[in-house]
Amino acid sequence: MSKKQFTVRDISELVRQGQDLMVQVVKDPLGTKGARLTTDITLPSRYLVFMPGASHVGVSQRIEAKVNASA
């Protein structure tokens, strides 16, 4: 697997004041540090992970195991 290449850019080139952003909390705030946020939204459920904007859906391996167990 290849790692993502990131280019360091000034935040003002990417986000404008008043712009709406959808973010998800990855890590809660601790002490004087704020929460860690991401724009890669994931909504996990029992059998799948919904990722808005992604070209695929993550499906749990438990589904296949349950089908094989009931057969």
N, C-alpha and C. Protein backbone atom coordinates (compact mmCIF):
# COMPACT_ATOMS: atom_id res chain seq x y z
N MET A 1 0.83 -1.18 0.00
CA MET A 1 0.00 0.00 0.00
C MET A 1 0.88 1.25 0.00
N SER A 2 0.50 2.20 -0.77
CA SER A 2 1.26 3.45 -0.79
C SER A 2 0.66 4.42 0.22
N LYS A 3 1.52 5.23 0.79
CA LYS A 3 1.07 6.23 1.76
C LYS A 3 0.65 7.49 1.01
N LYS A 4 -0.30 8.23 1.60
CA LYS A 4 -0.74 9.48 1.01
C LYS A 4 0.38 10.51 1.12
N GLN A 5 0.56 11.27 0.07
CA GLN A 5 1.55 12.35 0.07
C GLN A 5 0.83 13.64 0.41
N PHE A 6 1.32 14.36 1.40
CA PHE A 6 0.71 15.61 1.82
C PHE A 6 1.63 16.76 1.50
N THR A 7 1.05 17.84 1.03
CA THR A 7 1.77 19.08 0.79
C THR A 7 1.37 20.06 1.87
N VAL A 8 2.34 20.68 2.51
CA VAL A 8 2.05 21.66 3.55
C VAL A 8 1.59 22.94 2.89
N ARG A 9 0.36 23.37 3.24
CA ARG A 9 -0.21 24.59 2.68
C ARG A 9 -0.77 25.42 3.82
N ASP A 10 -0.84 26.71 3.60
CA ASP A 10 -1.42 27.61 4.58
C ASP A 10 -2.91 27.34 4.70
N ILE A 11 -3.43 27.28 5.92
CA ILE A 11 -4.84 26.97 6.13
C ILE A 11 -5.76 27.98 5.46
N SER A 12 -5.30 29.23 5.33
CA SER A 12 -6.14 30.26 4.71
C SER A 12 -6.34 30.02 3.21
N GLU A 13 -5.51 29.17 2.60
CA GLU A 13 -5.70 28.80 1.19
C GLU A 13 -6.80 27.75 1.04
N LEU A 14 -7.12 27.06 2.12
CA LEU A 14 -8.06 25.95 2.06
C LEU A 14 -9.43 26.27 2.62
N VAL A 15 -9.47 27.11 3.67
CA VAL A 15 -10.72 27.40 4.37
C VAL A 15 -10.89 28.90 4.49
N ARG A 16 -12.10 29.36 4.23
CA ARG A 16 -12.42 30.79 4.34
C ARG A 16 -13.29 31.02 5.57
N GLN A 17 -13.19 32.20 6.16
CA GLN A 17 -14.02 32.55 7.31
C GLN A 17 -15.48 32.50 6.91
N GLY A 18 -16.30 31.87 7.73
CA GLY A 18 -17.72 31.73 7.46
C GLY A 18 -18.08 30.50 6.65
N GLN A 19 -17.10 29.78 6.13
CA GLN A 19 -17.34 28.58 5.33
C GLN A 19 -17.84 27.45 6.23
N ASP A 20 -18.84 26.71 5.77
CA ASP A 20 -19.34 25.56 6.51
C ASP A 20 -18.47 24.34 6.24
N LEU A 21 -18.12 23.63 7.30
CA LEU A 21 -17.33 22.41 7.18
C LEU A 21 -17.99 21.31 8.00
N MET A 22 -18.00 20.09 7.47
CA MET A 22 -18.45 18.95 8.25
C MET A 22 -17.20 18.26 8.80
N VAL A 23 -17.15 18.13 10.12
CA VAL A 23 -16.00 17.50 10.76
C VAL A 23 -16.49 16.46 11.75
N GLN A 24 -15.59 15.55 12.09
CA GLN A 24 -15.87 14.52 13.08
C GLN A 24 -14.76 14.57 14.12
N VAL A 25 -15.11 14.43 15.39
CA VAL A 25 -14.12 14.42 16.46
C VAL A 25 -13.42 13.07 16.46
N VAL A 26 -12.09 13.09 16.33
CA VAL A 26 -11.29 11.88 16.35
C VAL A 26 -10.77 11.61 17.76
N LYS A 27 -10.43 12.69 18.46
CA LYS A 27 -9.88 12.57 19.80
C LYS A 27 -10.41 13.73 20.64
N ASP A 28 -10.89 13.43 21.82
CA ASP A 28 -11.44 14.46 22.71
C ASP A 28 -10.36 15.41 23.19
N PRO A 29 -10.76 16.63 23.61
CA PRO A 29 -9.77 17.58 24.14
C PRO A 29 -9.15 17.05 25.42
N LEU A 30 -7.91 17.41 25.65
CA LEU A 30 -7.19 16.97 26.85
C LEU A 30 -6.34 18.13 27.34
N GLY A 31 -6.57 18.55 28.56
CA GLY A 31 -5.81 19.66 29.12
C GLY A 31 -6.03 20.94 28.34
N THR A 32 -4.94 21.53 27.87
CA THR A 32 -5.03 22.78 27.11
C THR A 32 -5.17 22.55 25.62
N LYS A 33 -5.08 21.30 25.19
CA LYS A 33 -5.19 20.99 23.76
C LYS A 33 -6.65 20.80 23.37
N GLY A 34 -7.00 21.29 22.21
CA GLY A 34 -8.36 21.14 21.71
C GLY A 34 -8.58 19.75 21.13
N ALA A 35 -9.81 19.49 20.74
CA ALA A 35 -10.16 18.21 20.14
C ALA A 35 -9.47 18.05 18.80
N ARG A 36 -9.15 16.82 18.43
CA ARG A 36 -8.60 16.53 17.10
C ARG A 36 -9.78 16.22 16.19
N LEU A 37 -9.82 16.90 15.05
CA LEU A 37 -10.93 16.78 14.11
C LEU A 37 -10.45 16.23 12.78
N THR A 38 -11.39 15.66 12.01
CA THR A 38 -11.11 15.20 10.66
C THR A 38 -12.29 15.53 9.76
N THR A 39 -12.00 15.70 8.48
CA THR A 39 -13.07 15.88 7.50
C THR A 39 -13.40 14.55 6.81
N ASP A 40 -12.67 13.48 7.14
CA ASP A 40 -12.96 12.14 6.63
C ASP A 40 -14.00 11.51 7.54
N ILE A 41 -15.27 11.74 7.24
CA ILE A 41 -16.38 11.32 8.09
C ILE A 41 -16.64 9.83 7.91
N THR A 42 -16.80 9.12 9.04
CA THR A 42 -17.19 7.71 9.01
C THR A 42 -18.31 7.51 10.01
N LEU A 43 -19.34 6.79 9.60
CA LEU A 43 -20.47 6.46 10.47
C LEU A 43 -20.56 4.94 10.58
N PRO A 44 -19.94 4.37 11.60
CA PRO A 44 -19.94 2.91 11.72
C PRO A 44 -21.24 2.38 12.30
N SER A 45 -21.66 1.22 11.84
CA SER A 45 -22.80 0.51 12.41
C SER A 45 -22.37 -0.94 12.62
N ARG A 46 -23.30 -1.78 12.95
CA ARG A 46 -22.96 -3.16 13.28
C ARG A 46 -22.33 -3.91 12.10
N TYR A 47 -22.83 -3.70 10.89
CA TYR A 47 -22.36 -4.49 9.76
C TYR A 47 -21.71 -3.70 8.63
N LEU A 48 -21.72 -2.37 8.71
CA LEU A 48 -21.07 -1.60 7.66
C LEU A 48 -20.58 -0.27 8.20
N VAL A 49 -19.72 0.36 7.42
CA VAL A 49 -19.23 1.69 7.73
C VAL A 49 -19.59 2.58 6.56
N PHE A 50 -20.43 3.58 6.82
CA PHE A 50 -20.83 4.54 5.79
C PHE A 50 -19.84 5.68 5.78
N MET A 51 -19.32 5.99 4.59
CA MET A 51 -18.34 7.05 4.44
C MET A 51 -18.83 8.01 3.36
N PRO A 52 -19.54 9.10 3.77
CA PRO A 52 -20.06 10.05 2.79
C PRO A 52 -18.94 10.60 1.92
N GLY A 53 -19.16 10.63 0.63
CA GLY A 53 -18.16 11.15 -0.29
C GLY A 53 -17.18 10.10 -0.78
N ALA A 54 -17.15 8.93 -0.15
CA ALA A 54 -16.25 7.87 -0.59
C ALA A 54 -16.89 7.11 -1.75
N SER A 55 -16.07 6.47 -2.54
CA SER A 55 -16.58 5.73 -3.70
C SER A 55 -16.91 4.28 -3.35
N HIS A 56 -16.81 3.92 -2.07
CA HIS A 56 -17.09 2.54 -1.66
C HIS A 56 -17.74 2.55 -0.28
N VAL A 57 -18.23 1.38 0.14
CA VAL A 57 -18.83 1.20 1.47
C VAL A 57 -18.08 0.06 2.14
N GLY A 58 -17.73 0.25 3.39
CA GLY A 58 -17.06 -0.82 4.14
C GLY A 58 -18.09 -1.77 4.71
N VAL A 59 -17.96 -3.07 4.42
CA VAL A 59 -18.89 -4.08 4.90
C VAL A 59 -18.15 -5.01 5.85
N SER A 60 -18.78 -5.29 6.99
CA SER A 60 -18.16 -6.12 8.02
C SER A 60 -17.99 -7.56 7.55
N GLN A 61 -16.92 -8.19 8.00
CA GLN A 61 -16.70 -9.61 7.71
C GLN A 61 -17.65 -10.48 8.52
N ARG A 62 -18.27 -9.92 9.56
CA ARG A 62 -19.22 -10.67 10.39
C ARG A 62 -20.44 -11.10 9.58
N ILE A 63 -20.79 -10.37 8.53
CA ILE A 63 -21.95 -10.75 7.72
C ILE A 63 -21.71 -12.10 7.08
N GLU A 64 -20.55 -12.28 6.46
CA GLU A 64 -20.23 -13.56 5.81
C GLU A 64 -20.16 -14.67 6.85
N ALA A 65 -19.59 -14.41 8.00
CA ALA A 65 -19.49 -15.43 9.05
C ALA A 65 -20.88 -15.85 9.52
N LYS A 66 -21.81 -14.90 9.63
CA LYS A 66 -23.17 -15.21 10.07
C LYS A 66 -23.90 -16.04 9.02
N VAL A 67 -23.72 -15.73 7.74
CA VAL A 67 -24.35 -16.50 6.66
C VAL A 67 -23.83 -17.93 6.66
N ASN A 68 -22.52 -18.11 6.80
CA ASN A 68 -21.93 -19.45 6.83
C ASN A 68 -22.39 -20.24 8.05
N ALA A 69 -22.58 -19.60 9.18
CA ALA A 69 -23.00 -20.27 10.40
C ALA A 69 -24.44 -20.75 10.30
N SER A 70 -25.28 -20.01 9.58
CA SER A 70 -26.69 -20.39 9.47
C SER A 70 -26.92 -21.42 8.36
N ALA A 71 -25.94 -21.67 7.52
CA ALA A 71 -26.11 -22.60 6.39
C ALA A 71 -25.97 -24.05 6.79
